[in-house]
Amino acid sequence: MDEAPNLKPIPLYLFLSPKPHITKSNSELPPPQPY
């Protein structure tokens, strides 16, 4: 698990709950794809 965050600077909450994370990103920044 230590290798994953080291390779990519992504928080654990993103892996645990990617759905809510995407929702927040959509509200904050415009998504590249029409999700």
N, C-alpha and C. Protein backbone atom coordinates (compact mmCIF):
# COMPACT_ATOMS: atom_id res chain seq x y z
N MET A 1 0.85 -1.21 0.00
CA MET A 1 0.00 0.00 0.00
C MET A 1 0.88 1.26 0.00
N ASP A 2 2.04 1.14 0.64
CA ASP A 2 2.94 2.30 0.70
C ASP A 2 3.43 2.69 -0.71
N GLU A 3 3.56 1.69 -1.57
CA GLU A 3 4.06 1.97 -2.92
C GLU A 3 3.05 2.75 -3.75
N ALA A 4 1.77 2.48 -3.55
CA ALA A 4 0.73 3.16 -4.33
C ALA A 4 0.79 4.68 -4.14
N PRO A 5 0.71 5.17 -2.89
CA PRO A 5 0.75 6.62 -2.65
C PRO A 5 2.09 7.23 -3.06
N ASN A 6 3.16 6.43 -2.95
CA ASN A 6 4.48 6.94 -3.33
C ASN A 6 4.55 7.19 -4.84
N LEU A 7 4.03 6.24 -5.60
CA LEU A 7 4.06 6.39 -7.06
C LEU A 7 3.16 7.54 -7.50
N LYS A 8 1.97 7.60 -6.90
CA LYS A 8 1.04 8.67 -7.28
C LYS A 8 0.60 9.44 -6.04
N PRO A 9 0.76 10.75 -6.03
CA PRO A 9 0.38 11.58 -4.87
C PRO A 9 -1.13 11.69 -4.72
N ILE A 10 -1.78 10.55 -4.48
CA ILE A 10 -3.25 10.56 -4.32
C ILE A 10 -3.61 10.11 -2.91
N PRO A 11 -4.52 10.84 -2.26
CA PRO A 11 -4.94 10.51 -0.89
C PRO A 11 -5.67 9.16 -0.83
N LEU A 12 -5.69 8.57 0.36
CA LEU A 12 -6.33 7.25 0.51
C LEU A 12 -7.84 7.36 0.32
N TYR A 13 -8.41 8.48 0.73
CA TYR A 13 -9.87 8.62 0.64
C TYR A 13 -10.33 8.51 -0.81
N LEU A 14 -9.45 8.89 -1.73
CA LEU A 14 -9.82 8.79 -3.15
C LEU A 14 -10.01 7.33 -3.55
N PHE A 15 -9.10 6.46 -3.07
CA PHE A 15 -9.22 5.03 -3.40
C PHE A 15 -10.40 4.41 -2.66
N LEU A 16 -10.60 4.84 -1.41
CA LEU A 16 -11.68 4.28 -0.61
C LEU A 16 -13.04 4.66 -1.21
N SER A 17 -13.19 5.91 -1.58
CA SER A 17 -14.47 6.37 -2.13
C SER A 17 -14.25 7.29 -3.33
N PRO A 18 -13.96 6.69 -4.49
CA PRO A 18 -13.71 7.46 -5.72
C PRO A 18 -14.97 8.12 -6.25
N LYS A 19 -16.13 7.57 -5.91
CA LYS A 19 -17.39 8.14 -6.40
C LYS A 19 -17.60 9.56 -5.87
N PRO A 20 -17.58 9.74 -4.53
CA PRO A 20 -17.77 11.09 -3.97
C PRO A 20 -16.66 12.04 -4.40
N HIS A 21 -15.46 11.51 -4.57
CA HIS A 21 -14.33 12.35 -4.97
C HIS A 21 -14.59 12.94 -6.37
N ILE A 22 -15.08 12.10 -7.27
CA ILE A 22 -15.37 12.55 -8.64
C ILE A 22 -16.48 13.61 -8.60
N THR A 23 -17.47 13.40 -7.74
CA THR A 23 -18.57 14.36 -7.63
C THR A 23 -18.05 15.72 -7.21
N LYS A 24 -17.16 15.73 -6.22
CA LYS A 24 -16.60 17.01 -5.75
C LYS A 24 -15.78 17.66 -6.86
N SER A 25 -15.00 16.86 -7.56
CA SER A 25 -14.16 17.38 -8.65
C SER A 25 -15.04 18.01 -9.73
N ASN A 26 -16.15 17.37 -10.03
CA ASN A 26 -17.05 17.89 -11.05
C ASN A 26 -17.58 19.26 -10.64
N SER A 27 -17.93 19.40 -9.37
CA SER A 27 -18.47 20.68 -8.90
C SER A 27 -17.39 21.75 -8.89
N GLU A 28 -16.18 21.36 -8.47
CA GLU A 28 -15.09 22.34 -8.37
C GLU A 28 -14.51 22.66 -9.76
N LEU A 29 -14.14 21.62 -10.48
CA LEU A 29 -13.52 21.83 -11.80
C LEU A 29 -14.31 21.11 -12.88
N PRO A 30 -14.37 21.69 -14.08
CA PRO A 30 -15.10 21.08 -15.19
C PRO A 30 -14.41 19.81 -15.67
N PRO A 31 -15.12 18.69 -15.70
CA PRO A 31 -14.55 17.41 -16.11
C PRO A 31 -14.25 17.39 -17.60
N PRO A 32 -13.17 16.71 -18.01
CA PRO A 32 -12.79 16.62 -19.42
C PRO A 32 -13.81 15.81 -20.22
N GLN A 33 -14.49 14.88 -19.52
CA GLN A 33 -15.50 14.07 -20.20
C GLN A 33 -16.88 14.31 -19.59
N PRO A 34 -17.93 14.28 -20.41
CA PRO A 34 -19.31 14.51 -19.93
C PRO A 34 -19.81 13.35 -19.08
N TYR A 35 -19.38 13.30 -17.84
CA TYR A 35 -19.81 12.21 -16.97
C TYR A 35 -21.13 12.58 -16.33
